[in-house]
């Protein structure tokens, strides 16, 4: 039974978090060359995902008032705001030149990774709650443990992708555009798909 729960948890995690690889890869590209980037991204991803799991568990045990479903779409404001800020910073630095032609990485903030992870996980909460309601407490614990192990795997995969030479070159060259575009797009998608502001 536990083995089945573990396999189901792996499948559920992959189905609900595969899109995070793109966002995490952009965070790695953004922090390229900065010491501690991997640790900050890992901590941020764990904090954001712990928030997702905590909300899903609380809602599934009857604490629906903790996180009413109509609030979830408004999490889209987090990546939207971060994306607009990144776009503003990129626009302000559009004429900056580096003598070597190499863009120096920026320090990636733990709170930014955590915020984007949590905001992007609104749909995860919606998927996890019915699953948690349909299984016993031991299976919920198994799901949570598997999810938390796979968070580290997700970060490793994103770093691997972001550091492959052809991909790294593209990300280095276009990160200042891709990063805000992806975050703004993600924020708008979360807001619209959830019906925030009557959209």
Protein backbone atom coordinates (compact mmCIF):
# COMPACT_ATOMS: atom_id res chain seq x y z
CA UNK A 1 0.00 0.00 0.00
CA UNK A 2 2.81 2.42 0.90
CA UNK A 3 4.66 1.49 -2.32
CA UNK A 4 1.52 2.31 -4.31
CA UNK A 5 1.20 5.64 -2.48
CA UNK A 6 4.83 6.45 -3.25
CA UNK A 7 4.36 5.69 -6.96
CA UNK A 8 1.16 7.72 -7.06
CA UNK A 9 2.92 10.57 -5.26
CA UNK A 10 5.75 10.57 -7.82
CA UNK A 11 3.26 10.69 -10.69
CA UNK A 12 1.22 13.45 -9.02
CA UNK A 13 4.33 15.51 -8.28
CA UNK A 14 5.58 15.24 -11.86
CA UNK A 15 2.17 16.16 -13.27
CA UNK A 16 1.80 19.25 -11.08
CA UNK A 17 5.39 20.54 -10.92
CA UNK A 18 7.03 19.91 -14.29
CA UNK A 19 6.42 23.56 -15.26
CA UNK A 20 8.58 24.66 -12.32
CA UNK A 21 11.67 23.46 -14.20
CA UNK A 22 11.37 26.43 -16.58
CA UNK A 23 10.99 28.99 -13.80
CA UNK A 24 13.79 27.44 -11.71
CA UNK A 25 16.09 27.32 -14.75
CA UNK A 26 15.50 31.04 -15.23
CA UNK A 27 16.32 31.66 -11.55
CA UNK A 28 19.58 29.73 -12.07
CA UNK A 29 20.33 31.79 -15.18
CA UNK A 30 19.57 34.98 -13.27
CA UNK A 31 21.94 34.02 -10.45
CA UNK A 32 24.70 32.61 -12.67
CA UNK A 33 28.14 33.28 -11.21
CA UNK A 34 26.81 34.41 -7.83
CA UNK A 35 27.90 32.44 -4.79
CA UNK A 36 25.13 30.66 -2.95
CA UNK A 37 22.62 30.75 -5.81
CA UNK A 38 21.85 27.02 -5.62
CA UNK A 39 21.36 27.12 -1.85
CA UNK A 40 19.07 30.16 -2.02
CA UNK A 41 17.00 28.61 -4.81
CA UNK A 42 16.77 25.30 -2.92
CA UNK A 43 15.70 27.02 0.31
CA UNK A 44 13.19 29.20 -1.54
CA UNK A 45 11.74 26.22 -3.39
CA UNK A 46 11.38 24.29 -0.13
CA UNK A 47 9.75 27.23 1.66
CA UNK A 48 7.29 27.81 -1.19
CA UNK A 49 6.48 24.12 -1.53
CA UNK A 50 6.10 23.72 2.24
CA UNK A 51 3.50 26.49 2.05
CA UNK A 52 1.69 24.60 -0.72
CA UNK A 53 1.73 21.34 1.24
CA UNK A 54 0.73 23.07 4.47
CA UNK A 55 -2.23 24.75 2.79
CA UNK A 56 -3.32 21.50 1.10
CA UNK A 57 -3.12 19.53 4.34
CA UNK A 58 -4.96 22.22 6.34
CA UNK A 59 -7.73 22.49 3.77
CA UNK A 60 -8.05 18.70 3.54
CA UNK A 61 -8.48 18.35 7.33
CA UNK A 62 -11.28 20.88 7.34
CA UNK A 63 -9.59 24.22 7.77
CA UNK A 64 -11.23 25.59 4.62
CA UNK A 65 -11.46 29.05 6.11
CA UNK A 66 -7.65 29.11 6.27
CA UNK A 67 -7.41 29.33 2.51
CA UNK A 68 -10.72 29.85 0.75
CA UNK A 69 -10.56 28.66 -2.88
CA UNK A 70 -11.51 32.09 -4.21
CA UNK A 71 -8.28 33.54 -2.75
CA UNK A 72 -5.94 31.19 -4.67
CA UNK A 73 -6.11 33.02 -8.05
CA UNK A 74 -4.86 36.21 -6.43
CA UNK A 75 -1.52 34.50 -5.77
CA UNK A 76 -0.89 35.39 -9.40
CA UNK A 77 -0.11 38.91 -8.19
CA UNK A 78 3.17 37.60 -6.70
CA UNK A 79 4.88 36.49 -9.94
CA UNK A 80 3.21 39.36 -11.81
CA UNK A 81 4.70 41.90 -9.40
CA UNK A 82 8.13 40.22 -9.43
CA UNK A 83 8.04 40.06 -13.24
CA UNK A 84 7.12 43.74 -13.56
CA UNK A 85 9.90 44.66 -11.15
CA UNK A 86 12.42 42.54 -13.13
CA UNK A 87 11.22 44.16 -16.38
CA UNK A 88 11.66 47.62 -14.86
CA UNK A 89 15.19 46.72 -13.70
CA UNK A 90 16.07 45.31 -17.15
CA UNK A 91 14.74 48.45 -18.85
CA UNK A 92 16.77 50.70 -16.52
CA UNK A 93 19.94 48.72 -17.30
CA UNK A 94 19.33 48.38 -21.03
CA UNK A 95 22.33 50.55 -21.93
CA UNK A 96 24.74 49.05 -19.41
CA UNK A 97 27.75 47.46 -21.07
CA UNK A 98 30.12 44.90 -19.71
CA UNK A 99 33.60 45.11 -21.22
CA UNK A 100 33.83 41.35 -21.53
CA UNK A 101 30.34 41.08 -23.04
CA UNK A 102 29.28 38.72 -20.25
CA UNK A 103 26.26 39.54 -18.15
CA UNK A 104 27.02 39.24 -14.47
CA UNK A 105 24.43 37.27 -12.54
CA UNK A 106 22.17 38.90 -10.02
CA UNK A 107 21.63 37.72 -6.48
CA UNK A 108 18.52 35.55 -6.34
CA UNK A 109 16.44 36.20 -3.23
CA UNK A 110 15.06 33.26 -1.24
CA UNK A 111 11.76 35.09 -0.75
CA UNK A 112 11.39 35.62 -4.52
CA UNK A 113 11.82 31.89 -5.25
CA UNK A 114 9.48 30.98 -2.38
CA UNK A 115 6.86 33.49 -3.49
CA UNK A 116 6.87 32.37 -7.11
CA UNK A 117 6.83 28.70 -6.07
CA UNK A 118 3.86 29.23 -3.75
CA UNK A 119 1.97 31.37 -6.26
CA UNK A 120 2.57 28.84 -9.03
CA UNK A 121 1.30 26.12 -6.69
CA UNK A 122 -2.29 27.32 -6.41
CA UNK A 123 -3.33 24.65 -8.87
CA UNK A 124 -1.28 22.11 -6.91
CA UNK A 125 -3.36 22.84 -3.82
CA UNK A 126 -6.53 22.28 -5.83
CA UNK A 127 -5.20 18.90 -7.00
CA UNK A 128 -3.67 17.74 -3.70
CA UNK A 129 -6.72 18.41 -1.51
CA UNK A 130 -9.07 15.87 -3.14
CA UNK A 131 -6.24 13.32 -3.22
CA UNK A 132 -5.49 13.86 0.47
CA UNK A 133 -9.20 13.57 1.26
CA UNK A 134 -9.42 10.23 -0.54
CA UNK A 135 -6.51 8.51 1.24
CA UNK A 136 -5.67 7.78 4.86
CA UNK A 137 -3.29 9.76 7.11
CA UNK A 138 -0.37 7.35 6.48
CA UNK A 139 -0.71 7.86 2.73
CA UNK A 140 -0.83 11.66 3.17
CA UNK A 141 2.44 11.48 5.13
CA UNK A 142 3.94 9.27 2.40
CA UNK A 143 2.85 11.75 -0.27
CA UNK A 144 4.36 14.67 1.64
CA UNK A 145 7.68 12.88 2.23
CA UNK A 146 7.94 11.90 -1.45
CA UNK A 147 7.04 15.43 -2.56
CA UNK A 148 9.71 16.95 -0.30
CA UNK A 149 12.37 14.56 -1.63
CA UNK A 150 11.35 15.34 -5.21
CA UNK A 151 11.65 19.10 -4.61
CA UNK A 152 15.44 18.63 -4.34
CA UNK A 153 15.42 16.48 -7.49
CA UNK A 154 13.47 19.22 -9.31
CA UNK A 155 16.04 21.84 -8.32
CA UNK A 156 18.93 19.59 -9.44
CA UNK A 157 17.25 18.95 -12.81
CA UNK A 158 16.61 22.68 -13.32
CA UNK A 159 20.24 23.48 -12.50
CA UNK A 160 21.43 20.74 -14.87
CA UNK A 161 19.28 22.15 -17.69
CA UNK A 162 20.30 25.75 -17.01
CA UNK A 163 24.01 24.89 -17.04
CA UNK A 164 24.12 22.93 -20.32
CA UNK A 165 26.29 25.01 -22.64
CA UNK A 166 23.76 25.69 -25.46
CA UNK A 167 20.94 26.37 -23.01
CA UNK A 168 23.18 28.38 -20.68
CA UNK A 169 24.29 30.58 -23.59
CA UNK A 170 20.69 31.25 -24.61
CA UNK A 171 19.64 31.91 -21.02
CA UNK A 172 22.64 34.17 -20.40
CA UNK A 173 21.89 36.18 -23.51
CA UNK A 174 18.12 36.42 -23.07
CA UNK A 175 17.54 35.96 -19.32
CA UNK A 176 16.92 39.67 -18.78
CA UNK A 177 13.93 39.39 -21.17
CA UNK A 178 12.81 35.80 -20.52
CA UNK A 179 12.74 36.10 -16.72
CA UNK A 180 10.24 38.99 -16.52
CA UNK A 181 8.20 37.70 -19.48
CA UNK A 182 7.79 34.24 -17.92
CA UNK A 183 6.90 35.66 -14.49
CA UNK A 184 4.44 38.20 -15.92
CA UNK A 185 2.88 35.52 -18.13
CA UNK A 186 2.65 33.12 -15.19
CA UNK A 187 1.02 35.79 -13.01
CA UNK A 188 -1.51 36.71 -15.69
CA UNK A 189 -2.28 33.03 -16.36
CA UNK A 190 -2.90 32.35 -12.64
CA UNK A 191 -5.15 35.42 -12.34
CA UNK A 192 -7.18 34.70 -15.49
CA UNK A 193 -7.47 30.92 -15.08
CA UNK A 194 -8.70 31.40 -11.51
CA UNK A 195 -11.14 34.16 -12.39
CA UNK A 196 -9.47 36.81 -10.23
CA UNK A 197 -10.95 40.32 -10.53
CA UNK A 198 -13.84 38.80 -12.52
CA UNK A 199 -11.54 37.96 -15.47
